[in-house]
Each structure stands twice: as C-alpha cells, then as structure tokens.
Amino acid sequence: MIPVMSKDQVERYITLLEDPAHLDAAGFDDPDPADVVAAAARDHGLSFSEADLKSALNTRICDARSLPRPWGWPLARKLGLVRS
C-alpha cells in the first residue's frame, strides 16, 4: 500500500468537512490549528502536521480556491497566511 501524503490527508479532511454533519460534529467556528490537527486524527484517523495544514491552505489561497467554511479564513489568519 502506498502511503498517502500528509497534504493529501489535509485535502481529504477538508472534503469530509464539506458535509455539514461532519462539520457540526467537529464543532469548528474559529479553531486553533492544533485543534484541527487533533480532530482529524481523533475523528477520522488522518495524520498531518500544522505545517501540512498551513501548506494546503496556502495552496488553496494561491490557486484562488475557496477555503473551508466557516473556519478556513480564521484559521488562515492564525497561521499567518492572510491579514485581518
């Protein structure tokens, strides 16, 4: 079995959270990056670091793709990717 890259796991997690039921279960509104990483591991068995999360969100911003709602932009601010 080929291991899934960490950045791919971030994208998989974001896709999961596009389902309102998963988003409600995660309870994200204005999360801390460590909370996102921990929730992905705890709730879905996905493994990625805060650096992987930052990289994936940065790629979405640079590619003019949307960030996850409602927590993507607040998280991007906390990670220093965008300004308030």
C-alpha atoms as a PDB file:
ATOM      1  CA  MET A   1       0.000   0.000   0.000  1.00  0.00           C
ATOM      2  CA  ILE A   2       1.320   3.433  -0.947  1.00  0.00           C
ATOM      3  CA  PRO A   3       1.204   5.910   1.972  1.00  0.00           C
ATOM      4  CA  VAL A   4      -0.957   8.963   1.471  1.00  0.00           C
ATOM      5  CA  MET A   5       0.966  12.240   1.599  1.00  0.00           C
ATOM      6  CA  SER A   6       0.153  14.434   4.580  1.00  0.00           C
ATOM      7  CA  LYS A   7      -1.009  17.307   2.365  1.00  0.00           C
ATOM      8  CA  ASP A   8      -3.384  14.874   0.642  1.00  0.00           C
ATOM      9  CA  GLN A   9      -4.751  13.966   4.052  1.00  0.00           C
ATOM     10  CA  VAL A  10      -5.448  17.646   4.753  1.00  0.00           C
ATOM     11  CA  GLU A  11      -7.403  17.846   1.486  1.00  0.00           C
ATOM     12  CA  ARG A  12      -9.279  14.666   2.396  1.00  0.00           C
ATOM     13  CA  TYR A  13     -10.188  16.203   5.761  1.00  0.00           C
ATOM     14  CA  ILE A  14     -11.376  19.431   4.169  1.00  0.00           C
ATOM     15  CA  THR A  15     -13.545  17.387   1.792  1.00  0.00           C
ATOM     16  CA  LEU A  16     -15.029  15.485   4.738  1.00  0.00           C
ATOM     17  CA  LEU A  17     -15.890  18.759   6.458  1.00  0.00           C
ATOM     18  CA  GLU A  18     -17.804  19.964   3.410  1.00  0.00           C
ATOM     19  CA  ASP A  19     -20.511  17.569   4.639  1.00  0.00           C
ATOM     20  CA  PRO A  20     -22.499  19.611   7.197  1.00  0.00           C
ATOM     21  CA  ALA A  21     -22.857  16.606   9.520  1.00  0.00           C
ATOM     22  CA  HIS A  22     -19.081  16.220   9.808  1.00  0.00           C
ATOM     23  CA  LEU A  23     -18.597  19.961  10.252  1.00  0.00           C
ATOM     24  CA  ASP A  24     -21.197  20.090  13.022  1.00  0.00           C
ATOM     25  CA  ALA A  25     -19.541  17.128  14.730  1.00  0.00           C
ATOM     26  CA  ALA A  26     -16.132  18.837  14.548  1.00  0.00           C
ATOM     27  CA  GLY A  27     -17.599  21.963  16.173  1.00  0.00           C
ATOM     28  CA  PHE A  28     -15.314  24.342  14.280  1.00  0.00           C
ATOM     29  CA  ASP A  29     -16.046  28.031  14.189  1.00  0.00           C
ATOM     30  CA  ASP A  30     -12.726  29.685  14.948  1.00  0.00           C
ATOM     31  CA  PRO A  31     -10.397  26.754  15.700  1.00  0.00           C
ATOM     32  CA  ASP A  32      -6.785  26.697  16.733  1.00  0.00           C
ATOM     33  CA  PRO A  33      -4.536  24.883  14.207  1.00  0.00           C
ATOM     34  CA  ALA A  34      -3.667  22.263  16.831  1.00  0.00           C
ATOM     35  CA  ASP A  35      -7.391  21.583  17.330  1.00  0.00           C
ATOM     36  CA  VAL A  36      -7.860  20.908  13.607  1.00  0.00           C
ATOM     37  CA  VAL A  37      -4.894  18.506  13.512  1.00  0.00           C
ATOM     38  CA  ALA A  38      -6.106  16.719  16.653  1.00  0.00           C
ATOM     39  CA  ALA A  39      -9.713  16.431  15.417  1.00  0.00           C
ATOM     40  CA  ALA A  40      -8.594  14.968  12.083  1.00  0.00           C
ATOM     41  CA  ALA A  41      -6.580  12.283  13.860  1.00  0.00           C
ATOM     42  CA  ARG A  42      -9.138  11.588  16.571  1.00  0.00           C
ATOM     43  CA  ASP A  43     -12.284  11.569  14.441  1.00  0.00           C
ATOM     44  CA  HIS A  44     -11.016  10.278  11.076  1.00  0.00           C
ATOM     45  CA  GLY A  45      -7.611   8.651  11.591  1.00  0.00           C
ATOM     46  CA  LEU A  46      -5.898  11.216   9.357  1.00  0.00           C
ATOM     47  CA  SER A  47      -2.375  12.303  10.119  1.00  0.00           C
ATOM     48  CA  PHE A  48      -0.888  15.660   9.202  1.00  0.00           C
ATOM     49  CA  SER A  49       1.034  18.423  10.905  1.00  0.00           C
ATOM     50  CA  GLU A  50       0.227  22.096  11.375  1.00  0.00           C
ATOM     51  CA  ALA A  51       2.828  22.789   8.664  1.00  0.00           C
ATOM     52  CA  ASP A  52       0.934  20.464   6.282  1.00  0.00           C
ATOM     53  CA  LEU A  53      -2.312  22.237   7.143  1.00  0.00           C
ATOM     54  CA  LYS A  54      -0.721  25.632   6.513  1.00  0.00           C
ATOM     55  CA  SER A  55       0.731  24.450   3.206  1.00  0.00           C
ATOM     56  CA  ALA A  56      -2.596  23.042   1.999  1.00  0.00           C
ATOM     57  CA  LEU A  57      -4.488  26.225   2.896  1.00  0.00           C
ATOM     58  CA  ASN A  58      -1.774  28.349   1.273  1.00  0.00           C
ATOM     59  CA  THR A  59      -2.087  26.294  -1.927  1.00  0.00           C
ATOM     60  CA  ARG A  60      -5.849  26.848  -1.938  1.00  0.00           C
ATOM     61  CA  ILE A  61      -5.338  30.606  -1.496  1.00  0.00           C
ATOM     62  CA  CYS A  62      -2.699  30.788  -4.249  1.00  0.00           C
ATOM     63  CA  ASP A  63      -4.897  28.738  -6.603  1.00  0.00           C
ATOM     64  CA  ALA A  64      -7.880  31.036  -5.853  1.00  0.00           C
ATOM     65  CA  ARG A  65      -9.825  28.075  -4.454  1.00  0.00           C
ATOM     66  CA  SER A  66     -12.246  28.508  -1.594  1.00  0.00           C
ATOM     67  CA  LEU A  67     -11.244  27.814   1.979  1.00  0.00           C
ATOM     68  CA  PRO A  68     -13.434  25.627   4.183  1.00  0.00           C
ATOM     69  CA  ARG A  69     -16.353  27.482   5.727  1.00  0.00           C
ATOM     70  CA  PRO A  70     -16.759  28.821   8.336  1.00  0.00           C
ATOM     71  CA  TRP A  71     -13.327  28.076   9.798  1.00  0.00           C
ATOM     72  CA  GLY A  72     -10.913  28.358   6.848  1.00  0.00           C
ATOM     73  CA  TRP A  73     -10.304  32.112   6.837  1.00  0.00           C
ATOM     74  CA  PRO A  74      -9.956  32.491  10.619  1.00  0.00           C
ATOM     75  CA  LEU A  75      -7.521  29.572  10.587  1.00  0.00           C
ATOM     76  CA  ALA A  76      -5.562  31.097   7.671  1.00  0.00           C
ATOM     77  CA  ARG A  77      -5.240  34.300   9.719  1.00  0.00           C
ATOM     78  CA  LYS A  78      -3.960  32.357  12.740  1.00  0.00           C
ATOM     79  CA  LEU A  79      -1.416  30.608  10.510  1.00  0.00           C
ATOM     80  CA  GLY A  80      -0.198  33.961   9.152  1.00  0.00           C
ATOM     81  CA  LEU A  81      -1.377  33.304   5.590  1.00  0.00           C
ATOM     82  CA  VAL A  82      -3.714  36.303   5.347  1.00  0.00           C
ATOM     83  CA  ARG A  83      -4.239  39.543   7.231  1.00  0.00           C
ATOM     84  CA  SER A  84      -7.359  40.656   9.015  1.00  0.00           C
END
